[in-house]
Amino acid sequence: MEQIFLIYVSGKPAPTEDAMISIWDANVELKIDDRVHVIRNAREAVTFLKKYWPDNRSASYATAWKVCLDAASGVVPDAEARSAFEAAAKEAGILRQT
């Protein structure tokens, strides 16, 4: 019988299923054109960064991309991902001020 082993090579703990679906303590609201987008977790942030982010992609965008991917995998805390995503949105001028 063949055995399959998954190896997580980042040197950090392997992600857990619960970590991959967690919701942030507070949503991040973005406004592009006249549409409001509500981002609730790292997975949604990654999708938004990939599909809907404006063309002005700075270093803070790259940081948010990496941190949100890591958070979606359960490698970094959600709070860190939310903070990086919010900072990138603020810099891009799309963070909705409530």
N, C-alpha and C. Protein backbone atom coordinates (compact mmCIF):
# COMPACT_ATOMS: atom_id res chain seq x y z
N MET A 1 0.84 -1.18 0.00
CA MET A 1 0.00 0.00 0.00
C MET A 1 0.89 1.24 0.00
N GLU A 2 0.61 2.18 -0.89
CA GLU A 2 1.39 3.40 -1.01
C GLU A 2 0.94 4.41 0.05
N GLN A 3 1.92 5.05 0.69
CA GLN A 3 1.61 6.08 1.68
C GLN A 3 1.97 7.44 1.11
N ILE A 4 1.15 8.41 1.41
CA ILE A 4 1.39 9.77 0.95
C ILE A 4 1.61 10.64 2.17
N PHE A 5 2.70 11.40 2.15
CA PHE A 5 3.01 12.30 3.25
C PHE A 5 3.01 13.73 2.73
N LEU A 6 2.35 14.60 3.44
CA LEU A 6 2.37 16.02 3.11
C LEU A 6 3.42 16.69 3.98
N ILE A 7 4.29 17.42 3.36
CA ILE A 7 5.35 18.10 4.10
C ILE A 7 5.14 19.59 3.97
N TYR A 8 5.10 20.25 5.09
CA TYR A 8 4.95 21.69 5.12
C TYR A 8 6.34 22.28 5.31
N VAL A 9 6.86 22.97 4.30
CA VAL A 9 8.27 23.33 4.29
C VAL A 9 8.61 24.74 4.76
N SER A 10 7.65 25.49 5.23
CA SER A 10 7.95 26.87 5.61
C SER A 10 8.67 26.98 6.94
N GLY A 11 8.71 25.90 7.70
CA GLY A 11 9.33 25.98 9.02
C GLY A 11 8.34 26.44 10.08
N LYS A 12 7.13 26.71 9.66
CA LYS A 12 6.07 27.14 10.59
C LYS A 12 5.10 26.00 10.75
N PRO A 13 4.25 26.05 11.77
CA PRO A 13 3.30 24.95 11.97
C PRO A 13 2.38 24.76 10.77
N ALA A 14 1.99 23.54 10.54
CA ALA A 14 1.05 23.25 9.46
C ALA A 14 -0.29 23.90 9.77
N PRO A 15 -0.99 24.36 8.74
CA PRO A 15 -2.28 25.01 8.96
C PRO A 15 -3.33 24.03 9.46
N THR A 16 -4.28 24.57 10.19
CA THR A 16 -5.40 23.76 10.63
C THR A 16 -6.63 24.18 9.84
N GLU A 17 -7.59 23.32 9.75
CA GLU A 17 -8.81 23.65 9.00
C GLU A 17 -9.52 24.84 9.62
N ASP A 18 -9.56 24.91 10.96
CA ASP A 18 -10.22 26.03 11.62
C ASP A 18 -9.56 27.36 11.29
N ALA A 19 -8.24 27.36 11.18
CA ALA A 19 -7.51 28.60 10.89
C ALA A 19 -7.84 29.12 9.50
N MET A 20 -8.16 28.23 8.59
CA MET A 20 -8.39 28.65 7.22
C MET A 20 -9.75 29.30 7.01
N ILE A 21 -10.67 29.13 7.93
CA ILE A 21 -12.00 29.68 7.73
C ILE A 21 -12.39 30.73 8.77
N SER A 22 -11.44 31.20 9.53
CA SER A 22 -11.77 32.15 10.59
C SER A 22 -12.16 33.51 10.01
N ILE A 23 -12.98 34.20 10.76
CA ILE A 23 -13.48 35.52 10.39
C ILE A 23 -12.74 36.56 11.24
N TRP A 24 -12.40 37.69 10.61
CA TRP A 24 -11.72 38.76 11.34
C TRP A 24 -12.64 39.34 12.41
N ASP A 25 -12.04 39.93 13.43
CA ASP A 25 -12.81 40.57 14.50
C ASP A 25 -13.64 41.74 13.99
N ALA A 26 -13.12 42.43 12.98
CA ALA A 26 -13.84 43.55 12.38
C ALA A 26 -13.64 43.50 10.87
N ASN A 27 -14.69 43.76 10.13
CA ASN A 27 -14.61 43.77 8.67
C ASN A 27 -13.77 44.94 8.18
N VAL A 28 -13.23 44.81 6.98
CA VAL A 28 -12.57 45.93 6.30
C VAL A 28 -13.48 46.30 5.14
N GLU A 29 -13.90 47.55 5.11
CA GLU A 29 -14.78 48.01 4.04
C GLU A 29 -14.00 48.86 3.06
N LEU A 30 -14.18 48.55 1.78
CA LEU A 30 -13.48 49.24 0.71
C LEU A 30 -14.49 49.87 -0.22
N LYS A 31 -14.11 50.98 -0.82
CA LYS A 31 -15.01 51.64 -1.77
C LYS A 31 -14.24 51.90 -3.07
N ILE A 32 -14.74 51.29 -4.14
CA ILE A 32 -14.17 51.51 -5.47
C ILE A 32 -15.33 51.90 -6.39
N ASP A 33 -15.15 53.04 -7.05
CA ASP A 33 -16.22 53.63 -7.83
C ASP A 33 -17.40 53.82 -6.87
N ASP A 34 -18.54 53.42 -7.07
CA ASP A 34 -19.59 53.62 -6.07
C ASP A 34 -19.99 52.31 -5.42
N ARG A 35 -19.11 51.34 -5.45
CA ARG A 35 -19.39 50.03 -4.84
C ARG A 35 -18.62 49.87 -3.55
N VAL A 36 -19.30 49.32 -2.57
CA VAL A 36 -18.66 49.02 -1.28
C VAL A 36 -18.43 47.51 -1.23
N HIS A 37 -17.21 47.14 -0.88
CA HIS A 37 -16.84 45.73 -0.73
C HIS A 37 -16.52 45.48 0.74
N VAL A 38 -17.07 44.43 1.30
CA VAL A 38 -16.84 44.08 2.70
C VAL A 38 -15.98 42.82 2.73
N ILE A 39 -14.80 42.95 3.34
CA ILE A 39 -13.86 41.84 3.42
C ILE A 39 -13.86 41.34 4.86
N ARG A 40 -14.15 40.04 5.03
CA ARG A 40 -14.34 39.47 6.38
C ARG A 40 -13.22 38.55 6.85
N ASN A 41 -12.36 38.12 5.94
CA ASN A 41 -11.29 37.21 6.36
C ASN A 41 -10.16 37.22 5.34
N ALA A 42 -9.11 36.49 5.66
CA ALA A 42 -7.91 36.49 4.81
C ALA A 42 -8.19 35.90 3.43
N ARG A 43 -9.03 34.89 3.35
CA ARG A 43 -9.36 34.31 2.03
C ARG A 43 -10.03 35.33 1.13
N GLU A 44 -10.99 36.06 1.69
CA GLU A 44 -11.66 37.10 0.90
C GLU A 44 -10.68 38.19 0.50
N ALA A 45 -9.76 38.51 1.40
CA ALA A 45 -8.75 39.53 1.10
C ALA A 45 -7.87 39.09 -0.07
N VAL A 46 -7.45 37.84 -0.07
CA VAL A 46 -6.62 37.33 -1.17
C VAL A 46 -7.38 37.41 -2.49
N THR A 47 -8.63 37.02 -2.48
CA THR A 47 -9.46 37.09 -3.69
C THR A 47 -9.58 38.53 -4.18
N PHE A 48 -9.84 39.44 -3.24
CA PHE A 48 -9.98 40.85 -3.61
C PHE A 48 -8.67 41.39 -4.16
N LEU A 49 -7.57 41.08 -3.50
CA LEU A 49 -6.26 41.54 -3.96
C LEU A 49 -5.97 41.06 -5.38
N LYS A 50 -6.36 39.86 -5.67
CA LYS A 50 -6.09 39.26 -6.98
C LYS A 50 -7.01 39.79 -8.08
N LYS A 51 -8.30 39.90 -7.77
CA LYS A 51 -9.28 40.19 -8.82
C LYS A 51 -9.71 41.65 -8.94
N TYR A 52 -9.74 42.37 -7.83
CA TYR A 52 -10.40 43.68 -7.85
C TYR A 52 -9.50 44.85 -7.47
N TRP A 53 -8.28 44.59 -7.05
CA TRP A 53 -7.41 45.66 -6.58
C TRP A 53 -7.09 46.62 -7.71
N PRO A 54 -7.07 47.92 -7.42
CA PRO A 54 -6.71 48.90 -8.46
C PRO A 54 -5.29 48.65 -8.98
N ASP A 55 -4.97 49.26 -10.09
CA ASP A 55 -3.67 49.04 -10.73
C ASP A 55 -2.49 49.55 -9.91
N ASN A 56 -2.72 50.47 -8.99
CA ASN A 56 -1.61 51.02 -8.19
C ASN A 56 -1.21 50.03 -7.09
N ARG A 57 -0.33 49.11 -7.43
CA ARG A 57 0.09 48.04 -6.52
C ARG A 57 1.47 48.36 -5.96
N SER A 58 1.49 48.77 -4.71
CA SER A 58 2.71 49.21 -4.05
C SER A 58 3.33 48.09 -3.22
N ALA A 59 4.35 48.47 -2.46
CA ALA A 59 4.99 47.52 -1.54
C ALA A 59 4.00 47.05 -0.47
N SER A 60 3.10 47.93 -0.05
CA SER A 60 2.11 47.52 0.95
C SER A 60 1.12 46.50 0.38
N TYR A 61 0.86 46.59 -0.93
CA TYR A 61 0.05 45.57 -1.60
C TYR A 61 0.76 44.22 -1.53
N ALA A 62 2.04 44.21 -1.84
CA ALA A 62 2.82 42.96 -1.82
C ALA A 62 2.85 42.36 -0.42
N THR A 63 3.00 43.22 0.58
CA THR A 63 3.00 42.74 1.96
C THR A 63 1.65 42.15 2.31
N ALA A 64 0.57 42.85 1.97
CA ALA A 64 -0.78 42.36 2.26
C ALA A 64 -1.02 41.03 1.56
N TRP A 65 -0.56 40.91 0.32
CA TRP A 65 -0.73 39.66 -0.44
C TRP A 65 -0.08 38.50 0.30
N LYS A 66 1.18 38.68 0.70
CA LYS A 66 1.91 37.59 1.36
C LYS A 66 1.31 37.26 2.73
N VAL A 67 1.02 38.29 3.52
CA VAL A 67 0.51 38.06 4.87
C VAL A 67 -0.89 37.43 4.82
N CYS A 68 -1.73 37.89 3.91
CA CYS A 68 -3.08 37.32 3.80
C CYS A 68 -3.04 35.87 3.32
N LEU A 69 -2.15 35.56 2.39
CA LEU A 69 -1.98 34.16 1.96
C LEU A 69 -1.55 33.30 3.13
N ASP A 70 -0.58 33.79 3.91
CA ASP A 70 -0.11 33.04 5.08
C ASP A 70 -1.21 32.87 6.12
N ALA A 71 -2.01 33.91 6.32
CA ALA A 71 -3.11 33.82 7.29
C ALA A 71 -4.18 32.85 6.81
N ALA A 72 -4.46 32.86 5.52
CA ALA A 72 -5.46 31.94 4.97
C ALA A 72 -5.01 30.49 5.14
N SER A 73 -3.70 30.29 5.23
CA SER A 73 -3.15 28.95 5.45
C SER A 73 -2.95 28.65 6.93
N GLY A 74 -3.27 29.61 7.79
CA GLY A 74 -3.14 29.39 9.22
C GLY A 74 -1.73 29.58 9.75
N VAL A 75 -0.87 30.22 8.97
CA VAL A 75 0.53 30.37 9.36
C VAL A 75 0.77 31.64 10.18
N VAL A 76 0.05 32.71 9.89
CA VAL A 76 0.19 33.94 10.66
C VAL A 76 -1.17 34.31 11.25
N PRO A 77 -1.18 35.11 12.31
CA PRO A 77 -2.45 35.49 12.95
C PRO A 77 -3.34 36.33 12.03
N ASP A 78 -4.63 36.16 12.19
CA ASP A 78 -5.60 36.93 11.41
C ASP A 78 -5.44 38.42 11.61
N ALA A 79 -5.15 38.84 12.82
CA ALA A 79 -5.01 40.26 13.12
C ALA A 79 -3.89 40.89 12.29
N GLU A 80 -2.83 40.15 12.07
CA GLU A 80 -1.71 40.64 11.25
C GLU A 80 -2.14 40.80 9.80
N ALA A 81 -2.91 39.85 9.30
CA ALA A 81 -3.40 39.93 7.92
C ALA A 81 -4.36 41.09 7.75
N ARG A 82 -5.27 41.24 8.68
CA ARG A 82 -6.23 42.34 8.60
C ARG A 82 -5.52 43.68 8.61
N SER A 83 -4.55 43.82 9.49
CA SER A 83 -3.79 45.06 9.60
C SER A 83 -3.04 45.38 8.30
N ALA A 84 -2.39 44.39 7.71
CA ALA A 84 -1.65 44.58 6.46
C ALA A 84 -2.60 44.92 5.32
N PHE A 85 -3.73 44.25 5.27
CA PHE A 85 -4.71 44.50 4.21
C PHE A 85 -5.29 45.91 4.33
N GLU A 86 -5.63 46.28 5.55
CA GLU A 86 -6.18 47.62 5.78
C GLU A 86 -5.17 48.71 5.43
N ALA A 87 -3.90 48.51 5.79
CA ALA A 87 -2.86 49.48 5.47
C ALA A 87 -2.70 49.65 3.96
N ALA A 88 -2.73 48.53 3.24
CA ALA A 88 -2.61 48.59 1.78
C ALA A 88 -3.81 49.31 1.17
N ALA A 89 -4.99 49.03 1.69
CA ALA A 89 -6.21 49.68 1.19
C ALA A 89 -6.18 51.18 1.45
N LYS A 90 -5.69 51.55 2.62
CA LYS A 90 -5.60 52.98 2.95
C LYS A 90 -4.63 53.67 2.00
N GLU A 91 -3.48 53.04 1.78
CA GLU A 91 -2.48 53.62 0.86
C GLU A 91 -3.03 53.74 -0.56
N ALA A 92 -3.83 52.76 -0.97
CA ALA A 92 -4.40 52.78 -2.33
C ALA A 92 -5.58 53.74 -2.45
N GLY A 93 -6.02 54.27 -1.31
CA GLY A 93 -7.14 55.23 -1.35
C GLY A 93 -8.50 54.59 -1.50
N ILE A 94 -8.62 53.31 -1.14
CA ILE A 94 -9.90 52.62 -1.30
C ILE A 94 -10.52 52.20 0.03
N LEU A 95 -9.85 52.50 1.14
CA LEU A 95 -10.40 52.16 2.45
C LEU A 95 -11.59 53.05 2.74
N ARG A 96 -12.71 52.46 3.03
CA ARG A 96 -13.92 53.24 3.32
C ARG A 96 -13.86 53.73 4.75
N GLN A 97 -13.90 55.01 4.91
CA GLN A 97 -13.89 55.63 6.24
C GLN A 97 -15.32 55.71 6.75
N THR A 98 -15.58 55.07 7.89
CA THR A 98 -16.95 55.09 8.42
C THR A 98 -17.06 55.99 9.61
